[in-house]
């Protein structure tokens, strides 16, 4: 588990943006604006909208392959419509490496 400190508070639309890359769940019982993002076999992110930190739990075996994509998710986010094609290409390339590492295929 790692805590990441961000340059700016997490915007309201950030977790909606993450839905393009994995499963997002709102957990209002833990507090208004608390979300969990899960990208199976990669990492999960937990945090509150408006906070400047998030908790990230990596799958240890593939952390070296996936941490760069995590940084890319944070630095690429913009309010409003986005072209996700570059992120999708990067995700697919990393997915192949993750799958090979975990399943040896």
PDB file of N, CA and C in Angstrom:
ATOM      1  N   UNK A   1       0.842  -1.161   0.000  1.00  0.00           N
ATOM      2  CA  UNK A   1       0.000   0.000   0.000  1.00  0.00           C
ATOM      3  C   UNK A   1       0.890   1.228   0.000  1.00  0.00           C
ATOM      4  N   UNK A   2       0.505   2.208  -0.813  1.00  0.00           N
ATOM      5  CA  UNK A   2       1.227   3.469  -0.866  1.00  0.00           C
ATOM      6  C   UNK A   2       0.220   4.607  -0.829  1.00  0.00           C
ATOM      7  N   UNK A   3       0.606   5.669  -0.163  1.00  0.00           N
ATOM      8  CA  UNK A   3      -0.209   6.875  -0.176  1.00  0.00           C
ATOM      9  C   UNK A   3       0.439   7.838  -1.154  1.00  0.00           C
ATOM     10  N   UNK A   4      -0.369   8.382  -2.049  1.00  0.00           N
ATOM     11  CA  UNK A   4       0.120   9.339  -3.032  1.00  0.00           C
ATOM     12  C   UNK A   4      -0.416  10.720  -2.693  1.00  0.00           C
ATOM     13  N   UNK A   5       0.486  11.669  -2.593  1.00  0.00           N
ATOM     14  CA  UNK A   5       0.109  13.060  -2.370  1.00  0.00           C
ATOM     15  C   UNK A   5       0.019  13.743  -3.721  1.00  0.00           C
ATOM     16  N   UNK A   6      -1.076  14.437  -3.962  1.00  0.00           N
ATOM     17  CA  UNK A   6      -1.341  15.060  -5.251  1.00  0.00           C
ATOM     18  C   UNK A   6      -1.120  16.562  -5.182  1.00  0.00           C
ATOM     19  N   UNK A   7      -0.861  17.157  -6.340  1.00  0.00           N
ATOM     20  CA  UNK A   7      -0.642  18.605  -6.417  1.00  0.00           C
ATOM     21  C   UNK A   7      -1.908  19.409  -6.166  1.00  0.00           C
ATOM     22  N   UNK A   8      -3.052  18.808  -6.446  1.00  0.00           N
ATOM     23  CA  UNK A   8      -4.335  19.512  -6.326  1.00  0.00           C
ATOM     24  C   UNK A   8      -5.375  18.536  -5.777  1.00  0.00           C
ATOM     25  N   UNK A   9      -6.437  19.067  -5.203  1.00  0.00           N
ATOM     26  CA  UNK A   9      -7.508  18.185  -4.711  1.00  0.00           C
ATOM     27  C   UNK A   9      -8.122  17.358  -5.844  1.00  0.00           C
ATOM     28  N   UNK A  10      -8.568  16.161  -5.508  1.00  0.00           N
ATOM     29  CA  UNK A  10      -9.205  15.286  -6.491  1.00  0.00           C
ATOM     30  C   UNK A  10     -10.512  15.934  -6.943  1.00  0.00           C
ATOM     31  N   UNK A  11     -10.642  16.195  -8.249  1.00  0.00           N
ATOM     32  CA  UNK A  11     -11.881  16.813  -8.741  1.00  0.00           C
ATOM     33  C   UNK A  11     -13.050  15.829  -8.736  1.00  0.00           C
ATOM     34  N   UNK A  12     -14.230  16.359  -8.745  1.00  0.00           N
ATOM     35  CA  UNK A  12     -15.434  15.533  -8.680  1.00  0.00           C
ATOM     36  C   UNK A  12     -15.518  14.527  -9.828  1.00  0.00           C
ATOM     37  N   UNK A  13     -15.070  14.898 -11.020  1.00  0.00           N
ATOM     38  CA  UNK A  13     -15.181  14.010 -12.178  1.00  0.00           C
ATOM     39  C   UNK A  13     -14.095  12.969 -12.303  1.00  0.00           C
ATOM     40  N   UNK A  14     -13.107  12.978 -11.424  1.00  0.00           N
ATOM     41  CA  UNK A  14     -11.972  12.069 -11.571  1.00  0.00           C
ATOM     42  C   UNK A  14     -12.382  10.606 -11.506  1.00  0.00           C
ATOM     43  N   UNK A  15     -13.241  10.245 -10.578  1.00  0.00           N
ATOM     44  CA  UNK A  15     -13.613   8.840 -10.457  1.00  0.00           C
ATOM     45  C   UNK A  15     -14.513   8.396 -11.608  1.00  0.00           C
ATOM     46  N   UNK A  16     -15.283   9.311 -12.177  1.00  0.00           N
ATOM     47  CA  UNK A  16     -16.048   8.981 -13.397  1.00  0.00           C
ATOM     48  C   UNK A  16     -15.095   8.691 -14.549  1.00  0.00           C
ATOM     49  N   UNK A  17     -14.039   9.468 -14.647  1.00  0.00           N
ATOM     50  CA  UNK A  17     -12.993   9.255 -15.656  1.00  0.00           C
ATOM     51  C   UNK A  17     -12.353   7.878 -15.479  1.00  0.00           C
ATOM     52  N   UNK A  18     -12.109   7.472 -14.244  1.00  0.00           N
ATOM     53  CA  UNK A  18     -11.488   6.178 -13.981  1.00  0.00           C
ATOM     54  C   UNK A  18     -12.366   5.007 -14.426  1.00  0.00           C
ATOM     55  N   UNK A  19     -13.685   5.235 -14.529  1.00  0.00           N
ATOM     56  CA  UNK A  19     -14.583   4.163 -14.985  1.00  0.00           C
ATOM     57  C   UNK A  19     -14.214   3.665 -16.372  1.00  0.00           C
ATOM     58  N   UNK A  20     -13.466   4.454 -17.132  1.00  0.00           N
ATOM     59  CA  UNK A  20     -13.007   4.037 -18.454  1.00  0.00           C
ATOM     60  C   UNK A  20     -11.944   2.940 -18.378  1.00  0.00           C
ATOM     61  N   UNK A  21     -11.396   2.711 -17.202  1.00  0.00           N
ATOM     62  CA  UNK A  21     -10.249   1.813 -17.071  1.00  0.00           C
ATOM     63  C   UNK A  21     -10.441   0.708 -16.031  1.00  0.00           C
ATOM     64  N   UNK A  22     -11.547   0.695 -15.345  1.00  0.00           N
ATOM     65  CA  UNK A  22     -11.797  -0.319 -14.320  1.00  0.00           C
ATOM     66  C   UNK A  22     -13.132  -0.069 -13.649  1.00  0.00           C
ATOM     67  N   UNK A  23     -13.321  -0.665 -12.501  1.00  0.00           N
ATOM     68  CA  UNK A  23     -14.591  -0.563 -11.769  1.00  0.00           C
ATOM     69  C   UNK A  23     -14.487   0.497 -10.676  1.00  0.00           C
ATOM     70  N   UNK A  24     -15.469   1.385 -10.636  1.00  0.00           N
ATOM     71  CA  UNK A  24     -15.530   2.429  -9.619  1.00  0.00           C
ATOM     72  C   UNK A  24     -16.766   2.184  -8.770  1.00  0.00           C
ATOM     73  N   UNK A  25     -16.579   2.339  -7.474  1.00  0.00           N
ATOM     74  CA  UNK A  25     -17.682   2.151  -6.537  1.00  0.00           C
ATOM     75  C   UNK A  25     -17.711   3.320  -5.561  1.00  0.00           C
ATOM     76  N   UNK A  26     -18.868   3.953  -5.439  1.00  0.00           N
ATOM     77  CA  UNK A  26     -19.060   4.988  -4.418  1.00  0.00           C
ATOM     78  C   UNK A  26     -19.375   4.284  -3.110  1.00  0.00           C
ATOM     79  N   UNK A  27     -18.742   4.734  -2.036  1.00  0.00           N
ATOM     80  CA  UNK A  27     -18.960   4.122  -0.720  1.00  0.00           C
ATOM     81  C   UNK A  27     -19.431   5.202   0.263  1.00  0.00           C
ATOM     82  N   UNK A  28     -20.681   5.654   0.114  1.00  0.00           N
ATOM     83  CA  UNK A  28     -21.165   6.758   0.947  1.00  0.00           C
ATOM     84  C   UNK A  28     -21.229   6.427   2.436  1.00  0.00           C
ATOM     85  N   UNK A  29     -21.289   5.135   2.777  1.00  0.00           N
ATOM     86  CA  UNK A  29     -21.312   4.768   4.200  1.00  0.00           C
ATOM     87  C   UNK A  29     -19.994   5.104   4.894  1.00  0.00           C
ATOM     88  N   UNK A  30     -18.927   5.227   4.104  1.00  0.00           N
ATOM     89  CA  UNK A  30     -17.619   5.588   4.663  1.00  0.00           C
ATOM     90  C   UNK A  30     -17.385   7.094   4.644  1.00  0.00           C
ATOM     91  N   UNK A  31     -18.298   7.817   4.023  1.00  0.00           N
ATOM     92  CA  UNK A  31     -18.190   9.270   3.949  1.00  0.00           C
ATOM     93  C   UNK A  31     -18.625   9.759   2.585  1.00  0.00           C
ATOM     94  N   UNK A  32     -19.271  10.889   2.543  1.00  0.00           N
ATOM     95  CA  UNK A  32     -19.719  11.474   1.284  1.00  0.00           C
ATOM     96  C   UNK A  32     -18.510  11.767   0.403  1.00  0.00           C
ATOM     97  N   UNK A  33     -18.567  11.311  -0.839  1.00  0.00           N
ATOM     98  CA  UNK A  33     -17.475  11.546  -1.769  1.00  0.00           C
ATOM     99  C   UNK A  33     -16.347  10.544  -1.694  1.00  0.00           C
ATOM    100  N   UNK A  34     -16.555   9.420  -0.965  1.00  0.00           N
ATOM    101  CA  UNK A  34     -15.519   8.393  -0.884  1.00  0.00           C
ATOM    102  C   UNK A  34     -15.728   7.381  -2.001  1.00  0.00           C
ATOM    103  N   UNK A  35     -14.658   7.098  -2.737  1.00  0.00           N
ATOM    104  CA  UNK A  35     -14.735   6.184  -3.873  1.00  0.00           C
ATOM    105  C   UNK A  35     -13.613   5.159  -3.812  1.00  0.00           C
ATOM    106  N   UNK A  36     -13.898   4.026  -4.477  1.00  0.00           N
ATOM    107  CA  UNK A  36     -12.902   2.981  -4.637  1.00  0.00           C
ATOM    108  C   UNK A  36     -12.863   2.627  -6.125  1.00  0.00           C
ATOM    109  N   UNK A  37     -11.670   2.577  -6.679  1.00  0.00           N
ATOM    110  CA  UNK A  37     -11.446   2.172  -8.064  1.00  0.00           C
ATOM    111  C   UNK A  37     -10.652   0.878  -8.035  1.00  0.00           C
ATOM    112  N   UNK A  38     -11.038  -0.085  -8.870  1.00  0.00           N
ATOM    113  CA  UNK A  38     -10.320  -1.352  -8.913  1.00  0.00           C
ATOM    114  C   UNK A  38     -10.009  -1.716 -10.352  1.00  0.00           C
ATOM    115  N   UNK A  39      -8.744  -1.967 -10.619  1.00  0.00           N
ATOM    116  CA  UNK A  39      -8.285  -2.496 -11.895  1.00  0.00           C
ATOM    117  C   UNK A  39      -7.655  -3.843 -11.554  1.00  0.00           C
ATOM    118  N   UNK A  40      -8.443  -4.923 -11.683  1.00  0.00           N
ATOM    119  CA  UNK A  40      -7.979  -6.239 -11.247  1.00  0.00           C
ATOM    120  C   UNK A  40      -6.616  -6.601 -11.826  1.00  0.00           C
ATOM    121  N   UNK A  41      -5.794  -7.191 -10.998  1.00  0.00           N
ATOM    122  CA  UNK A  41      -4.430  -7.613 -11.305  1.00  0.00           C
ATOM    123  C   UNK A  41      -3.453  -6.444 -11.462  1.00  0.00           C
ATOM    124  N   UNK A  42      -3.914  -5.204 -11.281  1.00  0.00           N
ATOM    125  CA  UNK A  42      -3.045  -4.030 -11.411  1.00  0.00           C
ATOM    126  C   UNK A  42      -2.934  -3.316 -10.064  1.00  0.00           C
ATOM    127  N   UNK A  43      -4.013  -2.587  -9.708  1.00  0.00           N
ATOM    128  CA  UNK A  43      -4.027  -1.797  -8.480  1.00  0.00           C
ATOM    129  C   UNK A  43      -5.440  -1.351  -8.157  1.00  0.00           C
ATOM    130  N   UNK A  44      -5.610  -0.856  -6.940  1.00  0.00           N
ATOM    131  CA  UNK A  44      -6.868  -0.221  -6.538  1.00  0.00           C
ATOM    132  C   UNK A  44      -6.519   1.142  -5.939  1.00  0.00           C
ATOM    133  N   UNK A  45      -7.478   2.057  -6.044  1.00  0.00           N
ATOM    134  CA  UNK A  45      -7.317   3.412  -5.520  1.00  0.00           C
ATOM    135  C   UNK A  45      -8.513   3.697  -4.621  1.00  0.00           C
ATOM    136  N   UNK A  46      -8.249   4.254  -3.447  1.00  0.00           N
ATOM    137  CA  UNK A  46      -9.316   4.682  -2.543  1.00  0.00           C
ATOM    138  C   UNK A  46      -9.057   6.131  -2.168  1.00  0.00           C
ATOM    139  N   UNK A  47     -10.125   6.917  -2.160  1.00  0.00           N
ATOM    140  CA  UNK A  47      -9.949   8.303  -1.755  1.00  0.00           C
ATOM    141  C   UNK A  47     -11.237   9.088  -1.787  1.00  0.00           C
ATOM    142  N   UNK A  48     -11.144  10.298  -1.263  1.00  0.00           N
ATOM    143  CA  UNK A  48     -12.267  11.231  -1.191  1.00  0.00           C
ATOM    144  C   UNK A  48     -12.113  12.318  -2.246  1.00  0.00           C
ATOM    145  N   UNK A  49     -13.207  12.644  -2.904  1.00  0.00           N
ATOM    146  CA  UNK A  49     -13.228  13.821  -3.769  1.00  0.00           C
ATOM    147  C   UNK A  49     -12.869  15.024  -2.897  1.00  0.00           C
ATOM    148  N   UNK A  50     -11.974  15.864  -3.382  1.00  0.00           N
ATOM    149  CA  UNK A  50     -11.568  17.060  -2.652  1.00  0.00           C
ATOM    150  C   UNK A  50     -10.305  16.879  -1.821  1.00  0.00           C
ATOM    151  N   UNK A  51      -9.868  15.643  -1.582  1.00  0.00           N
ATOM    152  CA  UNK A  51      -8.631  15.401  -0.836  1.00  0.00           C
ATOM    153  C   UNK A  51      -7.422  15.537  -1.760  1.00  0.00           C
ATOM    154  N   UNK A  52      -6.271  15.711  -1.168  1.00  0.00           N
ATOM    155  CA  UNK A  52      -5.033  15.790  -1.942  1.00  0.00           C
ATOM    156  C   UNK A  52      -4.170  14.542  -1.764  1.00  0.00           C
ATOM    157  N   UNK A  53      -4.770  13.467  -1.275  1.00  0.00           N
ATOM    158  CA  UNK A  53      -4.050  12.203  -1.171  1.00  0.00           C
ATOM    159  C   UNK A  53      -5.002  11.052  -1.465  1.00  0.00           C
ATOM    160  N   UNK A  54      -4.436   9.962  -1.956  1.00  0.00           N
ATOM    161  CA  UNK A  54      -5.189   8.733  -2.203  1.00  0.00           C
ATOM    162  C   UNK A  54      -4.350   7.557  -1.727  1.00  0.00           C
ATOM    163  N   UNK A  55      -5.026   6.464  -1.428  1.00  0.00           N
ATOM    164  CA  UNK A  55      -4.362   5.217  -1.052  1.00  0.00           C
ATOM    165  C   UNK A  55      -4.386   4.305  -2.276  1.00  0.00           C
ATOM    166  N   UNK A  56      -3.230   3.772  -2.640  1.00  0.00           N
ATOM    167  CA  UNK A  56      -3.135   2.867  -3.782  1.00  0.00           C
ATOM    168  C   UNK A  56      -2.549   1.548  -3.300  1.00  0.00           C
ATOM    169  N   UNK A  57      -3.217   0.476  -3.663  1.00  0.00           N
ATOM    170  CA  UNK A  57      -2.725  -0.869  -3.356  1.00  0.00           C
ATOM    171  C   UNK A  57      -2.412  -1.554  -4.681  1.00  0.00           C
ATOM    172  N   UNK A  58      -1.152  -1.877  -4.854  1.00  0.00           N
ATOM    173  CA  UNK A  58      -0.685  -2.526  -6.071  1.00  0.00           C
ATOM    174  C   UNK A  58      -0.675  -4.030  -5.903  1.00  0.00           C
ATOM    175  N   UNK A  59      -0.856  -4.732  -7.006  1.00  0.00           N
ATOM    176  CA  UNK A  59      -0.547  -6.164  -7.015  1.00  0.00           C
ATOM    177  C   UNK A  59       0.971  -6.221  -7.092  1.00  0.00           C
ATOM    178  N   UNK A  60       1.575  -6.694  -6.058  1.00  0.00           N
ATOM    179  CA  UNK A  60       3.031  -6.634  -5.889  1.00  0.00           C
ATOM    180  C   UNK A  60       3.799  -7.175  -7.090  1.00  0.00           C
ATOM    181  N   UNK A  61       3.342  -8.290  -7.637  1.00  0.00           N
ATOM    182  CA  UNK A  61       4.073  -8.951  -8.718  1.00  0.00           C
ATOM    183  C   UNK A  61       4.192  -8.101  -9.985  1.00  0.00           C
ATOM    184  N   UNK A  62       3.282  -7.154 -10.174  1.00  0.00           N
ATOM    185  CA  UNK A  62       3.285  -6.368 -11.419  1.00  0.00           C
ATOM    186  C   UNK A  62       3.389  -4.863 -11.164  1.00  0.00           C
ATOM    187  N   UNK A  63       3.763  -4.496  -9.968  1.00  0.00           N
ATOM    188  CA  UNK A  63       3.847  -3.065  -9.645  1.00  0.00           C
ATOM    189  C   UNK A  63       4.800  -2.325 -10.596  1.00  0.00           C
ATOM    190  N   UNK A  64       5.925  -2.928 -10.918  1.00  0.00           N
ATOM    191  CA  UNK A  64       6.882  -2.270 -11.813  1.00  0.00           C
ATOM    192  C   UNK A  64       6.258  -1.969 -13.171  1.00  0.00           C
ATOM    193  N   UNK A  65       5.375  -2.842 -13.637  1.00  0.00           N
ATOM    194  CA  UNK A  65       4.741  -2.648 -14.936  1.00  0.00           C
ATOM    195  C   UNK A  65       3.590  -1.638 -14.885  1.00  0.00           C
ATOM    196  N   UNK A  66       2.920  -1.528 -13.743  1.00  0.00           N
ATOM    197  CA  UNK A  66       1.674  -0.750 -13.696  1.00  0.00           C
ATOM    198  C   UNK A  66       1.801   0.635 -13.072  1.00  0.00           C
ATOM    199  N   UNK A  67       2.850   0.902 -12.326  1.00  0.00           N
ATOM    200  CA  UNK A  67       2.950   2.191 -11.643  1.00  0.00           C
ATOM    201  C   UNK A  67       3.005   3.357 -12.636  1.00  0.00           C
ATOM    202  N   UNK A  68       3.640   3.151 -13.779  1.00  0.00           N
ATOM    203  CA  UNK A  68       3.713   4.236 -14.768  1.00  0.00           C
ATOM    204  C   UNK A  68       2.323   4.573 -15.307  1.00  0.00           C
ATOM    205  N   UNK A  69       1.456   3.565 -15.436  1.00  0.00           N
ATOM    206  CA  UNK A  69       0.098   3.833 -15.902  1.00  0.00           C
ATOM    207  C   UNK A  69      -0.693   4.606 -14.851  1.00  0.00           C
ATOM    208  N   UNK A  70      -0.463   4.300 -13.590  1.00  0.00           N
ATOM    209  CA  UNK A  70      -1.112   5.059 -12.518  1.00  0.00           C
ATOM    210  C   UNK A  70      -0.754   6.541 -12.626  1.00  0.00           C
ATOM    211  N   UNK A  71       0.540   6.821 -12.770  1.00  0.00           N
ATOM    212  CA  UNK A  71       0.969   8.220 -12.922  1.00  0.00           C
ATOM    213  C   UNK A  71       0.321   8.857 -14.151  1.00  0.00           C
ATOM    214  N   UNK A  72       0.233   8.111 -15.227  1.00  0.00           N
ATOM    215  CA  UNK A  72      -0.376   8.613 -16.450  1.00  0.00           C
ATOM    216  C   UNK A  72      -1.860   8.938 -16.235  1.00  0.00           C
ATOM    217  N   UNK A  73      -2.557   8.101 -15.474  1.00  0.00           N
ATOM    218  CA  UNK A  73      -3.966   8.383 -15.174  1.00  0.00           C
ATOM    219  C   UNK A  73      -4.112   9.716 -14.441  1.00  0.00           C
ATOM    220  N   UNK A  74      -3.246   9.956 -13.477  1.00  0.00           N
ATOM    221  CA  UNK A  74      -3.327  11.206 -12.716  1.00  0.00           C
ATOM    222  C   UNK A  74      -2.942  12.412 -13.562  1.00  0.00           C
ATOM    223  N   UNK A  75      -1.907  12.303 -14.345  1.00  0.00           N
ATOM    224  CA  UNK A  75      -1.426  13.476 -15.085  1.00  0.00           C
ATOM    225  C   UNK A  75      -2.229  13.754 -16.344  1.00  0.00           C
ATOM    226  N   UNK A  76      -2.952  12.769 -16.855  1.00  0.00           N
ATOM    227  CA  UNK A  76      -3.719  12.954 -18.092  1.00  0.00           C
ATOM    228  C   UNK A  76      -5.129  13.475 -17.866  1.00  0.00           C
ATOM    229  N   UNK A  77      -5.622  13.394 -16.650  1.00  0.00           N
ATOM    230  CA  UNK A  77      -7.012  13.777 -16.387  1.00  0.00           C
ATOM    231  C   UNK A  77      -7.241  15.261 -16.657  1.00  0.00           C
ATOM    232  N   UNK A  78      -8.315  15.543 -17.367  1.00  0.00           N
ATOM    233  CA  UNK A  78      -8.774  16.909 -17.616  1.00  0.00           C
ATOM    234  C   UNK A  78     -10.293  16.933 -17.461  1.00  0.00           C
ATOM    235  N   UNK A  79     -10.816  18.026 -16.973  1.00  0.00           N
ATOM    236  CA  UNK A  79     -12.277  18.190 -16.898  1.00  0.00           C
ATOM    237  C   UNK A  79     -12.832  18.211 -18.321  1.00  0.00           C
ATOM    238  N   UNK A  80     -14.012  17.664 -18.510  1.00  0.00           N
ATOM    239  CA  UNK A  80     -14.676  17.695 -19.813  1.00  0.00           C
ATOM    240  C   UNK A  80     -14.276  16.527 -20.694  1.00  0.00           C
ATOM    241  N   UNK A  81     -14.746  16.545 -21.937  1.00  0.00           N
ATOM    242  CA  UNK A  81     -14.468  15.439 -22.863  1.00  0.00           C
ATOM    243  C   UNK A  81     -12.959  15.277 -23.104  1.00  0.00           C
ATOM    244  N   UNK A  82     -12.557  14.024 -23.188  1.00  0.00           N
ATOM    245  CA  UNK A  82     -11.136  13.717 -23.395  1.00  0.00           C
ATOM    246  C   UNK A  82     -10.988  12.673 -24.490  1.00  0.00           C
ATOM    247  N   UNK A  83      -9.873  12.739 -25.195  1.00  0.00           N
ATOM    248  CA  UNK A  83      -9.501  11.691 -26.139  1.00  0.00           C
ATOM    249  C   UNK A  83      -8.695  10.659 -25.356  1.00  0.00           C
ATOM    250  N   UNK A  84      -9.269   9.495 -25.168  1.00  0.00           N
ATOM    251  CA  UNK A  84      -8.633   8.455 -24.363  1.00  0.00           C
ATOM    252  C   UNK A  84      -7.826   7.463 -25.192  1.00  0.00           C
ATOM    253  N   UNK A  85      -7.693   7.702 -26.496  1.00  0.00           N
ATOM    254  CA  UNK A  85      -7.056   6.713 -27.366  1.00  0.00           C
ATOM    255  C   UNK A  85      -5.605   6.437 -26.973  1.00  0.00           C
ATOM    256  N   UNK A  86      -4.838   7.461 -26.628  1.00  0.00           N
ATOM    257  CA  UNK A  86      -3.451   7.259 -26.214  1.00  0.00           C
ATOM    258  C   UNK A  86      -3.357   6.450 -24.933  1.00  0.00           C
ATOM    259  N   UNK A  87      -4.238   6.755 -23.973  1.00  0.00           N
ATOM    260  CA  UNK A  87      -4.259   5.990 -22.720  1.00  0.00           C
ATOM    261  C   UNK A  87      -4.660   4.540 -22.969  1.00  0.00           C
ATOM    262  N   UNK A  88      -5.613   4.343 -23.859  1.00  0.00           N
ATOM    263  CA  UNK A  88      -6.058   2.972 -24.176  1.00  0.00           C
ATOM    264  C   UNK A  88      -4.927   2.152 -24.792  1.00  0.00           C
ATOM    265  N   UNK A  89      -4.159   2.770 -25.690  1.00  0.00           N
ATOM    266  CA  UNK A  89      -3.040   2.058 -26.316  1.00  0.00           C
ATOM    267  C   UNK A  89      -2.003   1.670 -25.265  1.00  0.00           C
ATOM    268  N   UNK A  90      -1.699   2.591 -24.382  1.00  0.00           N
ATOM    269  CA  UNK A  90      -0.722   2.325 -23.316  1.00  0.00           C
ATOM    270  C   UNK A  90      -1.238   1.219 -22.398  1.00  0.00           C
ATOM    271  N   UNK A  91      -2.534   1.298 -22.066  1.00  0.00           N
ATOM    272  CA  UNK A  91      -3.153   0.284 -21.210  1.00  0.00           C
ATOM    273  C   UNK A  91      -3.051  -1.107 -21.843  1.00  0.00           C
ATOM    274  N   UNK A  92      -3.327  -1.204 -23.139  1.00  0.00           N
ATOM    275  CA  UNK A  92      -3.261  -2.497 -23.819  1.00  0.00           C
ATOM    276  C   UNK A  92      -1.847  -3.067 -23.813  1.00  0.00           C
ATOM    277  N   UNK A  93      -0.849  -2.213 -24.037  1.00  0.00           N
ATOM    278  CA  UNK A  93       0.543  -2.672 -24.036  1.00  0.00           C
ATOM    279  C   UNK A  93       0.938  -3.192 -22.652  1.00  0.00           C
ATOM    280  N   UNK A  94       0.553  -2.481 -21.622  1.00  0.00           N
ATOM    281  CA  UNK A  94       0.881  -2.904 -20.253  1.00  0.00           C
ATOM    282  C   UNK A  94       0.099  -4.161 -19.899  1.00  0.00           C
ATOM    283  N   UNK A  95      -1.140  -4.236 -20.338  1.00  0.00           N
ATOM    284  CA  UNK A  95      -1.971  -5.411 -20.055  1.00  0.00           C
ATOM    285  C   UNK A  95      -1.312  -6.684 -20.583  1.00  0.00           C
ATOM    286  N   UNK A  96      -0.742  -6.613 -21.761  1.00  0.00           N
ATOM    287  CA  UNK A  96      -0.053  -7.785 -22.315  1.00  0.00           C
ATOM    288  C   UNK A  96       1.110  -8.203 -21.410  1.00  0.00           C
ATOM    289  N   UNK A  97       1.893  -7.230 -20.951  1.00  0.00           N
ATOM    290  CA  UNK A  97       3.032  -7.545 -20.086  1.00  0.00           C
ATOM    291  C   UNK A  97       2.570  -8.097 -18.738  1.00  0.00           C
ATOM    292  N   UNK A  98       1.505  -7.515 -18.177  1.00  0.00           N
ATOM    293  CA  UNK A  98       0.957  -7.999 -16.900  1.00  0.00           C
ATOM    294  C   UNK A  98       0.487  -9.437 -17.069  1.00  0.00           C
ATOM    295  N   UNK A  99      -0.256  -9.700 -18.122  1.00  0.00           N
ATOM    296  CA  UNK A  99      -0.774 -11.043 -18.348  1.00  0.00           C
ATOM    297  C   UNK A  99       0.365 -12.058 -18.504  1.00  0.00           C
ATOM    298  N   UNK A 100       1.392 -11.688 -19.274  1.00  0.00           N
ATOM    299  CA  UNK A 100       2.543 -12.584 -19.455  1.00  0.00           C
ATOM    300  C   UNK A 100       3.236 -12.853 -18.120  1.00  0.00           C
ATOM    301  N   UNK A 101       3.387 -11.809 -17.328  1.00  0.00           N
ATOM    302  CA  UNK A 101       4.078 -11.961 -16.045  1.00  0.00           C
ATOM    303  C   UNK A 101       3.285 -12.836 -15.071  1.00  0.00           C
ATOM    304  N   UNK A 102       1.970 -12.625 -15.026  1.00  0.00           N
ATOM    305  CA  UNK A 102       1.146 -13.361 -14.066  1.00  0.00           C
ATOM    306  C   UNK A 102       0.805 -14.770 -14.523  1.00  0.00           C
ATOM    307  N   UNK A 103       0.663 -14.932 -15.834  1.00  0.00           N
ATOM    308  CA  UNK A 103       0.170 -16.220 -16.331  1.00  0.00           C
ATOM    309  C   UNK A 103       1.186 -16.963 -17.199  1.00  0.00           C
ATOM    310  N   UNK A 104       2.311 -16.322 -17.479  1.00  0.00           N
ATOM    311  CA  UNK A 104       3.372 -16.974 -18.225  1.00  0.00           C
ATOM    312  C   UNK A 104       3.001 -17.364 -19.643  1.00  0.00           C
ATOM    313  N   UNK A 105       2.050 -16.669 -20.220  1.00  0.00           N
ATOM    314  CA  UNK A 105       1.618 -17.028 -21.586  1.00  0.00           C
ATOM    315  C   UNK A 105       2.171 -16.073 -22.600  1.00  0.00           C
TER     316      UNK A 105
END
